[in-house]
C-alpha atoms as a PDB file:
ATOM      1  CA  MET A   1     117.782  64.248 113.116  1.00  0.00           C
ATOM      2  CA  LYS A   2     114.405  64.546 112.520  1.00  0.00           C
ATOM      3  CA  LYS A   3     114.234  68.154 113.989  1.00  0.00           C
ATOM      4  CA  LEU A   4     117.296  69.012 111.841  1.00  0.00           C
ATOM      5  CA  ILE A   5     115.648  67.678 108.959  1.00  0.00           C
ATOM      6  CA  THR A   6     112.484  69.394 109.841  1.00  0.00           C
ATOM      7  CA  ILE A   7     114.197  72.787 110.082  1.00  0.00           C
ATOM      8  CA  LEU A   8     115.903  72.458 107.104  1.00  0.00           C
ATOM      9  CA  SER A   9     112.558  71.744 104.989  1.00  0.00           C
ATOM     10  CA  LEU A  10     110.996  74.207 106.549  1.00  0.00           C
ATOM     11  CA  GLY A  11     113.686  76.597 105.500  1.00  0.00           C
ATOM     12  CA  ILE A  12     113.875  75.685 101.793  1.00  0.00           C
ATOM     13  CA  PHE A  13     109.851  75.772 101.800  1.00  0.00           C
ATOM     14  CA  SER A  14     109.902  79.218 102.862  1.00  0.00           C
ATOM     15  CA  LEU A  15     112.748  80.351 100.763  1.00  0.00           C
ATOM     16  CA  GLY A  16     111.271  78.920  97.847  1.00  0.00           C
ATOM     17  CA  TYR A  17     107.983  80.504  98.589  1.00  0.00           C
ATOM     18  CA  SER A  18     109.461  83.565  98.770  1.00  0.00           C
ATOM     19  CA  GLN A  19     111.457  83.525  95.896  1.00  0.00           C
ATOM     20  CA  SER A  20     108.297  82.499  93.839  1.00  0.00           C
ATOM     21  CA  ASP A  21     106.437  85.882  95.261  1.00  0.00           C
ATOM     22  CA  TYR A  22     109.318  87.925  93.985  1.00  0.00           C
ATOM     23  CA  TYR A  23     109.100  86.141  90.434  1.00  0.00           C
ATOM     24  CA  ASN A  24     105.727  86.763  90.708  1.00  0.00           C
ATOM     25  CA  ASP A  25     106.128  90.494  91.174  1.00  0.00           C
ATOM     26  CA  TYR A  26     108.667  90.458  88.329  1.00  0.00           C
ATOM     27  CA  ARG A  27     106.115  88.700  85.848  1.00  0.00           C
ATOM     28  CA  ARG A  28     103.509  91.100  86.906  1.00  0.00           C
ATOM     29  CA  SER A  29     105.892  94.353  86.015  1.00  0.00           C
ATOM     30  CA  ILE A  30     105.935  93.055  82.631  1.00  0.00           C
ATOM     31  CA  THR A  31     102.368  91.694  82.109  1.00  0.00           C
ATOM     32  CA  ASP A  32     100.529  94.764  84.185  1.00  0.00           C
ATOM     33  CA  VAL A  33     101.765  97.239  81.388  1.00  0.00           C
ATOM     34  CA  ASN A  34     101.076  97.607  77.743  1.00  0.00           C
ATOM     35  CA  TRP A  35     104.275  97.982  76.369  1.00  0.00           C
ATOM     36  CA  GLN A  36     103.074  98.436  72.983  1.00  0.00           C
ATOM     37  CA  THR A  37     101.283 101.470  74.376  1.00  0.00           C
ATOM     38  CA  VAL A  38     104.166 102.885  76.420  1.00  0.00           C
ATOM     39  CA  ALA A  39     106.113 102.823  73.403  1.00  0.00           C
ATOM     40  CA  ALA A  40     103.664 104.774  71.106  1.00  0.00           C
ATOM     41  CA  ASN A  41     102.924 106.991  73.888  1.00  0.00           C
ATOM     42  CA  LEU A  42     106.411 108.049  74.388  1.00  0.00           C
ATOM     43  CA  LEU A  43     107.423 107.857  71.111  1.00  0.00           C
ATOM     44  CA  LEU A  44     110.314 105.108  71.212  1.00  0.00           C
ATOM     45  CA  SER A  45     112.513 104.546  68.608  1.00  0.00           C
ATOM     46  CA  PRO A  46     112.514 101.107  66.884  1.00  0.00           C
ATOM     47  CA  GLN A  47     115.847 100.298  68.670  1.00  0.00           C
ATOM     48  CA  GLN A  48     114.326 101.179  72.061  1.00  0.00           C
ATOM     49  CA  LYS A  49     110.925  99.076  71.450  1.00  0.00           C
ATOM     50  CA  ALA A  50     113.497  96.471  70.447  1.00  0.00           C
ATOM     51  CA  ASP A  51     115.529  96.750  73.681  1.00  0.00           C
ATOM     52  CA  LEU A  52     112.361  96.783  75.832  1.00  0.00           C
ATOM     53  CA  PHE A  53     110.746  94.039  74.364  1.00  0.00           C
ATOM     54  CA  ALA A  54     114.087  92.145  75.057  1.00  0.00           C
ATOM     55  CA  LEU A  55     114.049  93.023  78.404  1.00  0.00           C
ATOM     56  CA  ASN A  56     110.747  91.994  79.035  1.00  0.00           C
ATOM     57  CA  ASN A  57     111.602  88.505  77.549  1.00  0.00           C
ATOM     58  CA  GLN A  58     114.975  88.316  79.353  1.00  0.00           C
ATOM     59  CA  TYR A  59     113.838  85.743  81.929  1.00  0.00           C
ATOM     60  CA  SER A  60     110.937  83.930  80.339  1.00  0.00           C
ATOM     61  CA  ASP A  61     110.493  81.307  83.091  1.00  0.00           C
ATOM     62  CA  TYR A  62     111.245  81.022  86.752  1.00  0.00           C
ATOM     63  CA  ASN A  63     114.373  78.873  86.369  1.00  0.00           C
ATOM     64  CA  SER A  64     116.040  81.684  84.447  1.00  0.00           C
ATOM     65  CA  TRP A  65     115.003  84.336  86.601  1.00  0.00           C
ATOM     66  CA  ASN A  66     116.341  82.202  89.574  1.00  0.00           C
ATOM     67  CA  ARG A  67     119.670  81.649  88.072  1.00  0.00           C
ATOM     68  CA  ALA A  68     120.423  85.512  87.953  1.00  0.00           C
ATOM     69  CA  TYR A  69     118.286  86.706  91.266  1.00  0.00           C
ATOM     70  CA  GLY A  70     118.193  83.040  93.284  1.00  0.00           C
ATOM     71  CA  SER A  71     120.421  84.753  96.046  1.00  0.00           C
ATOM     72  CA  ASN A  72     119.373  88.392  96.172  1.00  0.00           C
ATOM     73  CA  PRO A  73     115.586  88.185  94.591  1.00  0.00           C
ATOM     74  CA  ASP A  74     115.139  91.998  96.060  1.00  0.00           C
ATOM     75  CA  GLN A  75     117.683  93.179  93.219  1.00  0.00           C
ATOM     76  CA  TRP A  76     115.301  92.453  90.079  1.00  0.00           C
ATOM     77  CA  ARG A  77     113.568  95.776  90.891  1.00  0.00           C
ATOM     78  CA  VAL A  78     116.672  97.649  90.681  1.00  0.00           C
ATOM     79  CA  ASP A  79     118.207  96.133  87.217  1.00  0.00           C
ATOM     80  CA  ARG A  80     114.929  96.133  85.502  1.00  0.00           C
ATOM     81  CA  TYR A  81     114.191 100.104  86.036  1.00  0.00           C
ATOM     82  CA  ARG A  82     117.765 100.926  85.617  1.00  0.00           C
ATOM     83  CA  SER A  83     117.780  99.012  82.626  1.00  0.00           C
ATOM     84  CA  ILE A  84     114.298 100.654  81.303  1.00  0.00           C
ATOM     85  CA  GLU A  85     115.660 104.008  82.273  1.00  0.00           C
ATOM     86  CA  ARG A  86     118.508 103.349  80.567  1.00  0.00           C
ATOM     87  CA  ILE A  87     116.704 102.462  77.576  1.00  0.00           C
ATOM     88  CA  MET A  88     114.421 105.233  77.278  1.00  0.00           C
ATOM     89  CA  GLY A  89     116.075 107.658  78.408  1.00  0.00           C
ATOM     90  CA  PRO A  90     115.614 109.996  81.584  1.00  0.00           C
ATOM     91  CA  ALA A  91     112.868 112.199  80.318  1.00  0.00           C
ATOM     92  CA  LYS A  92     110.886 109.576  78.663  1.00  0.00           C
ATOM     93  CA  TYR A  93     111.482 107.218  81.798  1.00  0.00           C
ATOM     94  CA  GLU A  94     110.071 109.951  83.762  1.00  0.00           C
ATOM     95  CA  LYS A  95     107.095 110.227  81.991  1.00  0.00           C
ATOM     96  CA  PHE A  96     106.581 106.496  82.120  1.00  0.00           C
ATOM     97  CA  LYS A  97     107.238 106.558  85.767  1.00  0.00           C
ATOM     98  CA  ASN A  98     104.446 109.630  86.367  1.00  0.00           C
ATOM     99  CA  LYS A  99     101.806 107.485  84.208  1.00  0.00           C
ATOM    100  CA  TYR A 100     102.230 104.105  85.562  1.00  0.00           C
ATOM    101  CA  TYR A 101     103.682 104.605  89.099  1.00  0.00           C
ATOM    102  CA  LYS A 102     102.347 107.930  89.907  1.00  0.00           C
ATOM    103  CA  GLY A 103     105.366 109.722  90.015  1.00  0.00           C
ATOM    104  CA  GLN A 104     106.997 107.332  92.346  1.00  0.00           C
ATOM    105  CA  ASN A 105     110.273 105.237  92.381  1.00  0.00           C
ATOM    106  CA  PRO A 106     108.949 101.730  90.720  1.00  0.00           C
ATOM    107  CA  VAL A 107     111.430 100.106  92.931  1.00  0.00           C
ATOM    108  CA  ALA A 108     110.025 101.895  96.146  1.00  0.00           C
ATOM    109  CA  VAL A 109     106.435 100.707  94.916  1.00  0.00           C
ATOM    110  CA  TYR A 110     107.355  97.116  94.817  1.00  0.00           C
ATOM    111  CA  ASN A 111     109.448  96.827  98.052  1.00  0.00           C
ATOM    112  CA  ARG A 112     106.271  98.813  99.738  1.00  0.00           C
ATOM    113  CA  ASN A 113     103.837  96.101  98.243  1.00  0.00           C
ATOM    114  CA  LYS A 114     106.114  93.284  98.340  1.00  0.00           C
ATOM    115  CA  ASN A 115     104.599  91.855 101.718  1.00  0.00           C
ATOM    116  CA  ASN A 116     101.033  92.943 101.193  1.00  0.00           C
ATOM    117  CA  TYR A 117      99.841  89.293 101.417  1.00  0.00           C
ATOM    118  CA  LYS A 118     101.442  88.786 104.863  1.00  0.00           C
ATOM    119  CA  SER A 119      99.368  91.712 106.107  1.00  0.00           C
ATOM    120  CA  THR A 120      96.211  90.278 104.809  1.00  0.00           C
ATOM    121  CA  GLN A 121      97.129  86.557 106.218  1.00  0.00           C
ATOM    122  CA  VAL A 122      97.463  88.309 109.488  1.00  0.00           C
ATOM    123  CA  LYS A 123      94.417  89.975 109.691  1.00  0.00           C
ATOM    124  CA  LYS A 124      92.333  87.184 108.296  1.00  0.00           C
ATOM    125  CA  TYR A 125      94.049  85.005 110.921  1.00  0.00           C
ATOM    126  CA  ASN A 126      93.170  87.364 113.395  1.00  0.00           C
ATOM    127  CA  THR A 127      89.652  87.508 112.153  1.00  0.00           C
ATOM    128  CA  ILE A 128      89.191  83.637 112.610  1.00  0.00           C
ATOM    129  CA  LYS A 129      91.068  83.648 115.888  1.00  0.00           C
ATOM    130  CA  SER A 130      88.804  86.175 117.338  1.00  0.00           C
ATOM    131  CA  ARG A 131      85.174  84.552 116.031  1.00  0.00           C
ATOM    132  CA  LYS A 132      83.912  82.641 118.774  1.00  0.00           C
ATOM    133  CA  PRO A 133      80.237  80.955 119.079  1.00  0.00           C
ATOM    134  CA  VAL A 134      79.033  83.902 121.590  1.00  0.00           C
ATOM    135  CA  THR A 135      75.493  85.182 121.818  1.00  0.00           C
ATOM    136  CA  ASN A 136      73.572  86.485 124.575  1.00  0.00           C
ATOM    137  CA  ASN A 137      75.821  88.980 126.803  1.00  0.00           C
ATOM    138  CA  GLY A 138      79.004  87.220 125.887  1.00  0.00           C
ATOM    139  CA  VAL A 139      77.988  83.445 127.055  1.00  0.00           C
ATOM    140  CA  ASN A 140      79.500  81.086 124.864  1.00  0.00           C
ATOM    141  CA  THR A 141      76.351  79.030 123.750  1.00  0.00           C
ATOM    142  CA  LYS A 142      78.218  75.950 123.532  1.00  0.00           C
ATOM    143  CA  SER A 143      79.742  75.921 126.586  1.00  0.00           C
ATOM    144  CA  MET A 144      76.574  76.709 128.435  1.00  0.00           C
ATOM    145  CA  GLN A 145      74.598  74.117 126.526  1.00  0.00           C
ATOM    146  CA  GLU A 146      77.377  71.631 127.915  1.00  0.00           C
ATOM    147  CA  TYR A 147      76.948  72.670 131.306  1.00  0.00           C
ATOM    148  CA  GLU A 148      73.435  72.518 131.376  1.00  0.00           C
ATOM    149  CA  ARG A 149      74.056  69.150 129.754  1.00  0.00           C
ATOM    150  CA  ARG A 150      76.390  68.062 132.806  1.00  0.00           C
ATOM    151  CA  LYS A 151      74.405  69.790 135.242  1.00  0.00           C
ATOM    152  CA  LYS A 152      71.312  67.456 134.545  1.00  0.00           C
ATOM    153  CA  LEU A 153      73.658  64.403 135.048  1.00  0.00           C
ATOM    154  CA  ASN A 154      73.965  65.362 138.622  1.00  0.00           C
ATOM    155  CA  ASP A 155      77.682  64.243 139.204  1.00  0.00           C
ATOM    156  CA  GLY A 156      79.344  67.266 139.652  1.00  0.00           C
ATOM    157  CA  SER A 157      81.206  67.466 136.251  1.00  0.00           C
ATOM    158  CA  HIS A 158      79.364  70.447 135.256  1.00  0.00           C
ATOM    159  CA  LEU A 159      81.677  72.525 137.780  1.00  0.00           C
ATOM    160  CA  HIS A 160      84.795  71.775 135.040  1.00  0.00           C
ATOM    161  CA  VAL A 161      83.117  73.189 131.769  1.00  0.00           C
ATOM    162  CA  ARG A 162      85.485  75.357 130.070  1.00  0.00           C
ATOM    163  CA  GLY A 163      84.029  78.593 128.966  1.00  0.00           C
ATOM    164  CA  ASN A 164      81.677  79.115 131.683  1.00  0.00           C
ATOM    165  CA  SER A 165      81.276  82.815 132.444  1.00  0.00           C
ATOM    166  CA  GLN A 166      78.908  82.788 134.894  1.00  0.00           C
ATOM    167  CA  GLY A 167      81.340  81.734 137.460  1.00  0.00           C
ATOM    168  CA  LYS A 168      79.140  78.618 138.159  1.00  0.00           C
ATOM    169  CA  GLY A 169      81.965  76.331 137.183  1.00  0.00           C
ATOM    170  CA  LYS A 170      85.876  76.209 137.239  1.00  0.00           C
ATOM    171  CA  SER A 171      88.283  77.005 134.369  1.00  0.00           C
ATOM    172  CA  LYS A 172      91.206  74.890 133.618  1.00  0.00           C
END
């Protein structure tokens, strides 16, 4: 029973965590762009501006966003940029895309970048994992000190020190 509860809680936690990352991407898609400048540069009509700002305010908090996209968090990208294209029109949307997304489809940009934090976490973990207190020709200094300490005891325990790379002891 404990295992079942643990598995369910981990599943729920990881699902909630990933959805909050999607929501953070959604919020960044709004806050990373100065929409007043976009409207001025693209000469949007007052109605287009109103529609664009209404779209930006559509999901003001995580709960409202989660009600719409909780079952399919990837869908917000398609819906949002399809709506922006509908509001701006194809020609102005193309100019917007060229300026803010270097001509690439914004949906593809967010899909490509959505797991960047995972790759940095893996690199960080691998760096930490590979660090060892090693000096002097690859010999683990801490293990060598322990080996020397035990050798002075003269009870044979020095033969069982881990990390001794000079063949003076056995590794477990």
